[in-house]
Amino acid sequence: MTLLYIALIIVAIFQIYPLVWLFQFSLKSNAEVFGMSPFSLPQDPRWENYVRVWTDGNISLYFFNSVWITVASVLLTILLASFVTFAITRMYWKGSKLVLGLFMVGLMVPIHSALIPLFSFFLKLNLIDHPLSLVLSYTAFNLPLTIMILLGFYYTLPREIEEAAVVDGCSVHRIFFQITLPMTTPVLATTAIINMIYNWNEFVFVNTFISSDEFKTLTVGIQNFIGQYLTDWGAIGATLMISIIPILIAFLVLSNRIVEGIAAGSIKG
C-alpha cells in the first residue's frame, strides 16, 4: 500500500509541476528566460506581465469571447445530443439505427478535411468573421462523441419511471425535460467538461473563420505577443496561465459528477 501511495505522489508531482513551471515562467522577463536555467525561480517576479496582457494585450476581450463562445457551444451540443439520444433510445421509429450510424460516421471526419467546405459554406451565409461560425462548427464536430457517451448512460436508465409517467398522462416533452434529462446530470457533467476543454483550446477554426480582433479567442489572441523581431515570452506565459484557470476551476467543481458519469455510462444493463 505504501508503494502505491508513493507511486501516486510521483504521478501527481509530474502532473502538477508543469503548471508550477508555467506560473514561474509567466513572472520572468525575456532576459531571465534566455539568460538563466529554465528551472530557476524568477529573480524579480514581474506581476505586471498579467496586468499588461489583460489591459494592453486585449486579453480581457479574448477571454470574454472564449467564455461565451465555449458556454454557448457546450449548451447547444448537450441539448441537441440529448434530443438525439432520447429519440434513439426511447422512441421506436424506422431509420433510428441509420441516423445513429450517420452520427457515428462524424467521428471519422478529420477537422482539417472540412475546413475548405465549411469556409465556402459560411462565406455564402455571410458568417465568415462571425462568432456563429465557431458555435456551429464546435457543435457539429462535438455531437458524435457526446451522443456516444450519452448512449451508454441512457441504456442504464430504468424505463419504468417513464412508463409510469406515460400512464399518468405525461407528454413526451415533459418526460424528457422533467424526468429523463434531470436523471442524466452526472453524464451531462462529463460531456460538458470534455466539450469545454475542446472548445476552449480550439485553434484551427478560430484562425480560419475569424479575422477581426472583436471576435478572436485566447488561443489566437496569444499571437499578439509574437512579433517579427521580438517575442514577449513572459506575457505569453501569463496569457497561457490565464487560459488554464477556467478549465481547472470547471474540472474541480464538476470532478465528482464526471467520475459518476464515467462509471455509470460504462455499464450497460
C-alpha atoms as a PDB file:
ATOM      1  CA  MET A   1       0.000   0.000   0.000  1.00  0.00           C
ATOM      2  CA  THR A   2       2.875   2.326   0.814  1.00  0.00           C
ATOM      3  CA  LEU A   3       4.397   1.751  -2.622  1.00  0.00           C
ATOM      4  CA  LEU A   4       1.059   2.618  -4.208  1.00  0.00           C
ATOM      5  CA  TYR A   5       0.883   5.945  -2.354  1.00  0.00           C
ATOM      6  CA  ILE A   6       4.486   6.716  -3.316  1.00  0.00           C
ATOM      7  CA  ALA A   7       3.714   5.969  -6.962  1.00  0.00           C
ATOM      8  CA  LEU A   8       0.585   8.163  -6.838  1.00  0.00           C
ATOM      9  CA  ILE A   9       2.551  11.029  -5.269  1.00  0.00           C
ATOM     10  CA  ILE A  10       5.194  10.789  -8.001  1.00  0.00           C
ATOM     11  CA  VAL A  11       2.489  10.818 -10.690  1.00  0.00           C
ATOM     12  CA  ALA A  12       0.817  13.812  -9.005  1.00  0.00           C
ATOM     13  CA  ILE A  13       4.131  15.703  -8.982  1.00  0.00           C
ATOM     14  CA  PHE A  14       4.608  15.058 -12.701  1.00  0.00           C
ATOM     15  CA  GLN A  15       1.053  16.268 -13.327  1.00  0.00           C
ATOM     16  CA  ILE A  16       1.251  19.440 -11.205  1.00  0.00           C
ATOM     17  CA  TYR A  17       4.826  20.559 -11.891  1.00  0.00           C
ATOM     18  CA  PRO A  18       4.166  21.805 -15.474  1.00  0.00           C
ATOM     19  CA  LEU A  19       1.582  24.231 -14.038  1.00  0.00           C
ATOM     20  CA  VAL A  20       4.035  25.406 -11.386  1.00  0.00           C
ATOM     21  CA  TRP A  21       6.748  25.814 -14.029  1.00  0.00           C
ATOM     22  CA  LEU A  22       4.395  27.794 -16.295  1.00  0.00           C
ATOM     23  CA  PHE A  23       3.479  30.090 -13.395  1.00  0.00           C
ATOM     24  CA  GLN A  24       7.163  30.774 -12.714  1.00  0.00           C
ATOM     25  CA  PHE A  25       7.773  31.294 -16.423  1.00  0.00           C
ATOM     26  CA  SER A  26       4.973  33.878 -16.599  1.00  0.00           C
ATOM     27  CA  LEU A  27       6.755  36.006 -13.983  1.00  0.00           C
ATOM     28  CA  LYS A  28      10.055  36.210 -15.865  1.00  0.00           C
ATOM     29  CA  SER A  29      11.459  38.754 -18.289  1.00  0.00           C
ATOM     30  CA  ASN A  30      12.994  37.817 -21.627  1.00  0.00           C
ATOM     31  CA  ALA A  31      16.460  38.261 -20.099  1.00  0.00           C
ATOM     32  CA  GLU A  32      15.667  35.723 -17.376  1.00  0.00           C
ATOM     33  CA  VAL A  33      14.069  33.311 -19.853  1.00  0.00           C
ATOM     34  CA  PHE A  34      17.183  33.139 -22.056  1.00  0.00           C
ATOM     35  CA  GLY A  35      19.906  34.014 -19.526  1.00  0.00           C
ATOM     36  CA  MET A  36      19.024  31.625 -16.700  1.00  0.00           C
ATOM     37  CA  SER A  37      18.166  27.977 -16.207  1.00  0.00           C
ATOM     38  CA  PRO A  38      14.622  27.129 -17.330  1.00  0.00           C
ATOM     39  CA  PHE A  39      14.019  25.624 -13.871  1.00  0.00           C
ATOM     40  CA  SER A  40      15.215  28.669 -11.907  1.00  0.00           C
ATOM     41  CA  LEU A  41      12.879  30.894  -9.906  1.00  0.00           C
ATOM     42  CA  PRO A  42      12.278  34.443 -11.193  1.00  0.00           C
ATOM     43  CA  GLN A  43      14.714  36.849  -9.506  1.00  0.00           C
ATOM     44  CA  ASP A  44      12.345  39.789  -9.741  1.00  0.00           C
ATOM     45  CA  PRO A  45       8.754  38.492 -10.250  1.00  0.00           C
ATOM     46  CA  ARG A  46       7.096  40.563 -12.964  1.00  0.00           C
ATOM     47  CA  TRP A  47       3.456  40.644 -11.874  1.00  0.00           C
ATOM     48  CA  GLU A  48       2.967  43.431 -14.374  1.00  0.00           C
ATOM     49  CA  ASN A  49       3.001  40.750 -17.097  1.00  0.00           C
ATOM     50  CA  TYR A  50      -0.532  39.816 -16.049  1.00  0.00           C
ATOM     51  CA  VAL A  51      -1.674  43.432 -15.904  1.00  0.00           C
ATOM     52  CA  ARG A  52      -0.149  44.191 -19.293  1.00  0.00           C
ATOM     53  CA  VAL A  53      -1.705  41.233 -21.125  1.00  0.00           C
ATOM     54  CA  TRP A  54      -5.111  41.893 -19.549  1.00  0.00           C
ATOM     55  CA  THR A  55      -5.183  45.587 -20.469  1.00  0.00           C
ATOM     56  CA  ASP A  56      -2.723  46.407 -23.258  1.00  0.00           C
ATOM     57  CA  GLY A  57      -2.781  42.961 -24.889  1.00  0.00           C
ATOM     58  CA  ASN A  58      -6.573  42.873 -25.294  1.00  0.00           C
ATOM     59  CA  ILE A  59      -6.666  39.561 -23.441  1.00  0.00           C
ATOM     60  CA  SER A  60      -9.731  40.637 -21.452  1.00  0.00           C
ATOM     61  CA  LEU A  61     -11.747  40.775 -24.700  1.00  0.00           C
ATOM     62  CA  TYR A  62     -10.346  37.456 -25.943  1.00  0.00           C
ATOM     63  CA  PHE A  63     -11.091  35.884 -22.566  1.00  0.00           C
ATOM     64  CA  PHE A  64     -14.712  37.058 -22.671  1.00  0.00           C
ATOM     65  CA  ASN A  65     -15.080  35.759 -26.243  1.00  0.00           C
ATOM     66  CA  SER A  66     -13.660  32.371 -25.248  1.00  0.00           C
ATOM     67  CA  VAL A  67     -16.054  32.137 -22.293  1.00  0.00           C
ATOM     68  CA  TRP A  68     -19.292  32.941 -24.087  1.00  0.00           C
ATOM     69  CA  ILE A  69     -18.478  31.007 -27.272  1.00  0.00           C
ATOM     70  CA  THR A  70     -17.467  27.958 -25.223  1.00  0.00           C
ATOM     71  CA  VAL A  71     -20.542  28.116 -22.976  1.00  0.00           C
ATOM     72  CA  ALA A  72     -22.927  28.624 -25.915  1.00  0.00           C
ATOM     73  CA  SER A  73     -21.369  25.743 -27.869  1.00  0.00           C
ATOM     74  CA  VAL A  74     -21.395  23.376 -24.886  1.00  0.00           C
ATOM     75  CA  LEU A  75     -25.037  24.104 -24.032  1.00  0.00           C
ATOM     76  CA  LEU A  76     -26.164  23.717 -27.649  1.00  0.00           C
ATOM     77  CA  THR A  77     -24.178  20.493 -28.096  1.00  0.00           C
ATOM     78  CA  ILE A  78     -25.502  18.903 -24.904  1.00  0.00           C
ATOM     79  CA  LEU A  79     -29.104  19.885 -25.663  1.00  0.00           C
ATOM     80  CA  LEU A  80     -29.049  18.582 -29.255  1.00  0.00           C
ATOM     81  CA  ALA A  81     -27.161  15.413 -28.271  1.00  0.00           C
ATOM     82  CA  SER A  82     -29.727  14.757 -25.519  1.00  0.00           C
ATOM     83  CA  PHE A  83     -32.555  15.170 -28.038  1.00  0.00           C
ATOM     84  CA  VAL A  84     -30.926  12.701 -30.431  1.00  0.00           C
ATOM     85  CA  THR A  85     -30.050  10.156 -27.746  1.00  0.00           C
ATOM     86  CA  PHE A  86     -33.544  10.288 -26.252  1.00  0.00           C
ATOM     87  CA  ALA A  87     -35.119   9.790 -29.665  1.00  0.00           C
ATOM     88  CA  ILE A  88     -32.849   6.832 -30.485  1.00  0.00           C
ATOM     89  CA  THR A  89     -33.097   5.017 -27.136  1.00  0.00           C
ATOM     90  CA  ARG A  90     -36.652   5.837 -26.056  1.00  0.00           C
ATOM     91  CA  MET A  91     -38.638   6.055 -29.294  1.00  0.00           C
ATOM     92  CA  TYR A  92     -39.331   3.357 -31.850  1.00  0.00           C
ATOM     93  CA  TRP A  93     -39.145   4.644 -35.416  1.00  0.00           C
ATOM     94  CA  LYS A  94     -37.768   3.456 -38.728  1.00  0.00           C
ATOM     95  CA  GLY A  95     -34.318   4.677 -39.526  1.00  0.00           C
ATOM     96  CA  SER A  96     -33.151   5.206 -35.921  1.00  0.00           C
ATOM     97  CA  LYS A  97     -30.163   2.885 -36.402  1.00  0.00           C
ATOM     98  CA  LEU A  98     -29.323   4.575 -39.702  1.00  0.00           C
ATOM     99  CA  VAL A  99     -29.406   8.012 -38.068  1.00  0.00           C
ATOM    100  CA  LEU A 100     -27.192   6.782 -35.234  1.00  0.00           C
ATOM    101  CA  GLY A 101     -24.765   5.354 -37.792  1.00  0.00           C
ATOM    102  CA  LEU A 102     -24.615   8.672 -39.642  1.00  0.00           C
ATOM    103  CA  PHE A 103     -23.763  10.493 -36.421  1.00  0.00           C
ATOM    104  CA  MET A 104     -21.067   7.934 -35.602  1.00  0.00           C
ATOM    105  CA  VAL A 105     -19.543   8.453 -39.056  1.00  0.00           C
ATOM    106  CA  GLY A 106     -18.896  12.006 -37.909  1.00  0.00           C
ATOM    107  CA  LEU A 107     -16.269  10.631 -35.517  1.00  0.00           C
ATOM    108  CA  MET A 108     -14.162   9.655 -38.532  1.00  0.00           C
ATOM    109  CA  VAL A 109     -14.242  13.051 -40.274  1.00  0.00           C
ATOM    110  CA  PRO A 110     -10.945  14.943 -39.705  1.00  0.00           C
ATOM    111  CA  ILE A 111     -11.347  18.621 -38.871  1.00  0.00           C
ATOM    112  CA  HIS A 112      -8.819  19.737 -41.490  1.00  0.00           C
ATOM    113  CA  SER A 113     -10.658  17.969 -44.309  1.00  0.00           C
ATOM    114  CA  ALA A 114     -13.771  20.028 -43.549  1.00  0.00           C
ATOM    115  CA  LEU A 115     -12.095  23.453 -43.403  1.00  0.00           C
ATOM    116  CA  ILE A 116     -12.497  24.388 -47.084  1.00  0.00           C
ATOM    117  CA  PRO A 117     -16.126  23.163 -47.398  1.00  0.00           C
ATOM    118  CA  LEU A 118     -17.045  24.910 -44.151  1.00  0.00           C
ATOM    119  CA  PHE A 119     -15.317  28.125 -45.214  1.00  0.00           C
ATOM    120  CA  SER A 120     -17.225  28.080 -48.513  1.00  0.00           C
ATOM    121  CA  PHE A 121     -20.488  27.304 -46.707  1.00  0.00           C
ATOM    122  CA  PHE A 122     -20.083  30.096 -44.144  1.00  0.00           C
ATOM    123  CA  LEU A 123     -18.957  32.512 -46.859  1.00  0.00           C
ATOM    124  CA  LYS A 124     -22.260  32.005 -48.701  1.00  0.00           C
ATOM    125  CA  LEU A 125     -24.149  32.600 -45.437  1.00  0.00           C
ATOM    126  CA  ASN A 126     -22.084  35.721 -44.621  1.00  0.00           C
ATOM    127  CA  LEU A 127     -20.871  34.079 -41.402  1.00  0.00           C
ATOM    128  CA  ILE A 128     -17.135  34.478 -42.014  1.00  0.00           C
ATOM    129  CA  ASP A 129     -15.658  36.640 -39.258  1.00  0.00           C
ATOM    130  CA  HIS A 130     -18.764  35.968 -37.167  1.00  0.00           C
ATOM    131  CA  PRO A 131     -18.802  34.000 -33.873  1.00  0.00           C
ATOM    132  CA  LEU A 132     -21.797  31.957 -35.016  1.00  0.00           C
ATOM    133  CA  SER A 133     -19.496  30.104 -37.419  1.00  0.00           C
ATOM    134  CA  LEU A 134     -17.477  28.897 -34.419  1.00  0.00           C
ATOM    135  CA  VAL A 135     -20.532  27.885 -32.376  1.00  0.00           C
ATOM    136  CA  LEU A 136     -21.979  25.878 -35.273  1.00  0.00           C
ATOM    137  CA  SER A 137     -18.634  24.207 -36.067  1.00  0.00           C
ATOM    138  CA  TYR A 138     -17.938  23.260 -32.444  1.00  0.00           C
ATOM    139  CA  THR A 139     -21.452  21.889 -32.030  1.00  0.00           C
ATOM    140  CA  ALA A 140     -21.331  19.822 -35.217  1.00  0.00           C
ATOM    141  CA  PHE A 141     -17.935  18.264 -34.504  1.00  0.00           C
ATOM    142  CA  ASN A 142     -18.692  17.520 -30.833  1.00  0.00           C
ATOM    143  CA  LEU A 143     -22.130  15.986 -31.390  1.00  0.00           C
ATOM    144  CA  PRO A 144     -20.955  12.457 -32.382  1.00  0.00           C
ATOM    145  CA  LEU A 145     -18.718  11.983 -29.329  1.00  0.00           C
ATOM    146  CA  THR A 146     -21.315  13.494 -26.990  1.00  0.00           C
ATOM    147  CA  ILE A 147     -24.044  11.202 -28.363  1.00  0.00           C
ATOM    148  CA  MET A 148     -21.792   8.178 -27.986  1.00  0.00           C
ATOM    149  CA  ILE A 149     -21.132   8.992 -24.316  1.00  0.00           C
ATOM    150  CA  LEU A 150     -24.807   9.675 -23.603  1.00  0.00           C
ATOM    151  CA  LEU A 151     -25.921   6.418 -25.246  1.00  0.00           C
ATOM    152  CA  GLY A 152     -24.179   4.258 -22.671  1.00  0.00           C
ATOM    153  CA  PHE A 153     -25.835   6.162 -19.848  1.00  0.00           C
ATOM    154  CA  TYR A 154     -29.322   6.246 -21.390  1.00  0.00           C
ATOM    155  CA  TYR A 155     -29.326   2.450 -21.750  1.00  0.00           C
ATOM    156  CA  THR A 156     -28.865   2.135 -17.967  1.00  0.00           C
ATOM    157  CA  LEU A 157     -31.848   4.351 -17.111  1.00  0.00           C
ATOM    158  CA  PRO A 158     -34.911   2.413 -15.913  1.00  0.00           C
ATOM    159  CA  ARG A 159     -37.820   2.642 -18.338  1.00  0.00           C
ATOM    160  CA  GLU A 160     -40.353   2.001 -15.571  1.00  0.00           C
ATOM    161  CA  ILE A 161     -40.241   5.638 -14.447  1.00  0.00           C
ATOM    162  CA  GLU A 162     -41.026   6.903 -17.930  1.00  0.00           C
ATOM    163  CA  GLU A 163     -43.713   4.263 -18.449  1.00  0.00           C
ATOM    164  CA  ALA A 164     -45.390   5.348 -15.205  1.00  0.00           C
ATOM    165  CA  ALA A 165     -45.280   8.951 -16.402  1.00  0.00           C
ATOM    166  CA  VAL A 166     -46.965   7.944 -19.683  1.00  0.00           C
ATOM    167  CA  VAL A 167     -49.716   6.183 -17.729  1.00  0.00           C
ATOM    168  CA  ASP A 168     -50.260   9.389 -15.749  1.00  0.00           C
ATOM    169  CA  GLY A 169     -50.743  11.290 -19.000  1.00  0.00           C
ATOM    170  CA  CYS A 170     -47.321  12.932 -19.225  1.00  0.00           C
ATOM    171  CA  SER A 171     -46.349  14.156 -22.697  1.00  0.00           C
ATOM    172  CA  VAL A 172     -43.086  13.245 -24.423  1.00  0.00           C
ATOM    173  CA  HIS A 173     -41.743  16.759 -23.905  1.00  0.00           C
ATOM    174  CA  ARG A 174     -42.443  16.680 -20.170  1.00  0.00           C
ATOM    175  CA  ILE A 175     -40.926  13.211 -19.857  1.00  0.00           C
ATOM    176  CA  PHE A 176     -37.723  14.442 -21.480  1.00  0.00           C
ATOM    177  CA  PHE A 177     -37.340  17.772 -19.675  1.00  0.00           C
ATOM    178  CA  GLN A 178     -38.723  16.854 -16.241  1.00  0.00           C
ATOM    179  CA  ILE A 179     -37.773  13.175 -15.848  1.00  0.00           C
ATOM    180  CA  THR A 180     -35.097  11.921 -18.234  1.00  0.00           C
ATOM    181  CA  LEU A 181     -32.885  14.994 -18.527  1.00  0.00           C
ATOM    182  CA  PRO A 182     -32.528  15.535 -14.730  1.00  0.00           C
ATOM    183  CA  MET A 183     -31.546  11.866 -14.315  1.00  0.00           C
ATOM    184  CA  THR A 184     -28.687  12.309 -16.781  1.00  0.00           C
ATOM    185  CA  THR A 185     -26.984  15.108 -14.803  1.00  0.00           C
ATOM    186  CA  PRO A 186     -23.829  13.060 -13.983  1.00  0.00           C
ATOM    187  CA  VAL A 187     -23.095  12.153 -17.606  1.00  0.00           C
ATOM    188  CA  LEU A 188     -24.010  15.669 -18.760  1.00  0.00           C
ATOM    189  CA  ALA A 189     -21.256  16.981 -16.485  1.00  0.00           C
ATOM    190  CA  THR A 190     -18.830  14.558 -18.114  1.00  0.00           C
ATOM    191  CA  THR A 191     -19.749  15.625 -21.629  1.00  0.00           C
ATOM    192  CA  ALA A 192     -19.737  19.286 -20.591  1.00  0.00           C
ATOM    193  CA  ILE A 193     -16.130  19.224 -19.385  1.00  0.00           C
ATOM    194  CA  ILE A 194     -14.978  17.240 -22.459  1.00  0.00           C
ATOM    195  CA  ASN A 195     -16.656  19.707 -24.797  1.00  0.00           C
ATOM    196  CA  MET A 196     -15.423  22.651 -22.760  1.00  0.00           C
ATOM    197  CA  ILE A 197     -11.790  21.574 -22.995  1.00  0.00           C
ATOM    198  CA  TYR A 198     -12.037  21.078 -26.759  1.00  0.00           C
ATOM    199  CA  ASN A 199     -13.841  24.366 -27.429  1.00  0.00           C
ATOM    200  CA  TRP A 200     -11.625  26.372 -25.094  1.00  0.00           C
ATOM    201  CA  ASN A 201      -8.385  25.129 -26.651  1.00  0.00           C
ATOM    202  CA  GLU A 202      -9.542  25.044 -30.287  1.00  0.00           C
ATOM    203  CA  PHE A 203      -7.318  26.998 -32.689  1.00  0.00           C
ATOM    204  CA  VAL A 204      -7.876  25.915 -36.301  1.00  0.00           C
ATOM    205  CA  PHE A 205     -11.480  27.102 -36.716  1.00  0.00           C
ATOM    206  CA  VAL A 206     -10.826  30.436 -34.991  1.00  0.00           C
ATOM    207  CA  ASN A 207      -7.739  31.080 -37.063  1.00  0.00           C
ATOM    208  CA  THR A 208      -9.600  30.202 -40.279  1.00  0.00           C
ATOM    209  CA  PHE A 209     -13.015  31.816 -39.799  1.00  0.00           C
ATOM    210  CA  ILE A 210     -12.216  34.851 -37.593  1.00  0.00           C
ATOM    211  CA  SER A 211     -10.045  37.762 -38.705  1.00  0.00           C
ATOM    212  CA  SER A 212     -11.104  40.759 -36.585  1.00  0.00           C
ATOM    213  CA  ASP A 213      -9.923  41.268 -33.004  1.00  0.00           C
ATOM    214  CA  GLU A 214     -13.522  41.776 -31.913  1.00  0.00           C
ATOM    215  CA  PHE A 215     -14.302  38.054 -32.097  1.00  0.00           C
ATOM    216  CA  LYS A 216     -10.912  36.397 -31.536  1.00  0.00           C
ATOM    217  CA  THR A 217     -10.448  33.960 -28.653  1.00  0.00           C
ATOM    218  CA  LEU A 218      -7.492  33.356 -26.342  1.00  0.00           C
ATOM    219  CA  THR A 219      -5.895  30.657 -28.486  1.00  0.00           C
ATOM    220  CA  VAL A 220      -5.475  33.081 -31.399  1.00  0.00           C
ATOM    221  CA  GLY A 221      -5.044  36.257 -29.339  1.00  0.00           C
ATOM    222  CA  ILE A 222      -1.821  34.936 -27.841  1.00  0.00           C
ATOM    223  CA  GLN A 223      -0.170  35.618 -31.201  1.00  0.00           C
ATOM    224  CA  ASN A 224      -0.297  39.348 -30.384  1.00  0.00           C
ATOM    225  CA  PHE A 225       2.807  38.862 -28.268  1.00  0.00           C
ATOM    226  CA  ILE A 226       4.779  37.188 -31.040  1.00  0.00           C
ATOM    227  CA  GLY A 227       6.473  39.818 -33.182  1.00  0.00           C
ATOM    228  CA  GLN A 228       8.754  39.648 -36.206  1.00  0.00           C
ATOM    229  CA  TYR A 229      11.811  40.741 -34.221  1.00  0.00           C
ATOM    230  CA  LEU A 230      10.797  40.362 -30.574  1.00  0.00           C
ATOM    231  CA  THR A 231       8.621  37.923 -28.633  1.00  0.00           C
ATOM    232  CA  ASP A 232       7.426  38.735 -25.108  1.00  0.00           C
ATOM    233  CA  TRP A 233       7.726  35.297 -23.515  1.00  0.00           C
ATOM    234  CA  GLY A 234       6.654  36.438 -20.052  1.00  0.00           C
ATOM    235  CA  ALA A 235       3.424  37.844 -21.493  1.00  0.00           C
ATOM    236  CA  ILE A 236       2.809  34.598 -23.389  1.00  0.00           C
ATOM    237  CA  GLY A 237       3.265  32.648 -20.166  1.00  0.00           C
ATOM    238  CA  ALA A 238       0.830  34.946 -18.346  1.00  0.00           C
ATOM    239  CA  THR A 239      -1.739  34.504 -21.129  1.00  0.00           C
ATOM    240  CA  LEU A 240      -1.392  30.727 -21.009  1.00  0.00           C
ATOM    241  CA  MET A 241      -1.797  30.785 -17.235  1.00  0.00           C
ATOM    242  CA  ILE A 242      -4.973  32.874 -17.519  1.00  0.00           C
ATOM    243  CA  SER A 243      -6.353  30.482 -20.140  1.00  0.00           C
ATOM    244  CA  ILE A 244      -5.764  27.438 -17.917  1.00  0.00           C
ATOM    245  CA  ILE A 245      -7.537  28.765 -14.810  1.00  0.00           C
ATOM    246  CA  PRO A 246     -11.181  28.453 -16.044  1.00  0.00           C
ATOM    247  CA  ILE A 247     -10.667  24.829 -17.135  1.00  0.00           C
ATOM    248  CA  LEU A 248      -9.080  23.954 -13.780  1.00  0.00           C
ATOM    249  CA  ILE A 249     -11.953  25.563 -11.870  1.00  0.00           C
ATOM    250  CA  ALA A 250     -14.557  23.797 -14.015  1.00  0.00           C
ATOM    251  CA  PHE A 251     -12.837  20.442 -13.543  1.00  0.00           C
ATOM    252  CA  LEU A 252     -12.576  20.868  -9.762  1.00  0.00           C
ATOM    253  CA  VAL A 253     -16.236  21.887  -9.478  1.00  0.00           C
ATOM    254  CA  LEU A 254     -17.501  19.057 -11.703  1.00  0.00           C
ATOM    255  CA  SER A 255     -14.959  16.371 -10.741  1.00  0.00           C
ATOM    256  CA  ASN A 256     -17.363  14.263  -8.664  1.00  0.00           C
ATOM    257  CA  ARG A 257     -20.052  14.419 -11.347  1.00  0.00           C
ATOM    258  CA  ILE A 258     -17.507  13.476 -14.014  1.00  0.00           C
ATOM    259  CA  VAL A 259     -16.468  10.317 -12.134  1.00  0.00           C
ATOM    260  CA  GLU A 260     -20.131   9.382 -11.587  1.00  0.00           C
ATOM    261  CA  GLY A 261     -20.928   9.890 -15.246  1.00  0.00           C
ATOM    262  CA  ILE A 262     -17.984   7.815 -16.485  1.00  0.00           C
ATOM    263  CA  ALA A 263     -18.729   4.983 -14.034  1.00  0.00           C
ATOM    264  CA  ALA A 264     -22.463   4.908 -14.786  1.00  0.00           C
ATOM    265  CA  GLY A 265     -22.053   5.204 -18.538  1.00  0.00           C
ATOM    266  CA  SER A 266     -19.507   2.402 -18.732  1.00  0.00           C
ATOM    267  CA  ILE A 267     -22.033  -0.288 -17.743  1.00  0.00           C
ATOM    268  CA  LYS A 268     -24.960  -1.276 -19.931  1.00  0.00           C
ATOM    269  CA  GLY A 269     -27.993  -3.009 -18.480  1.00  0.00           C
END
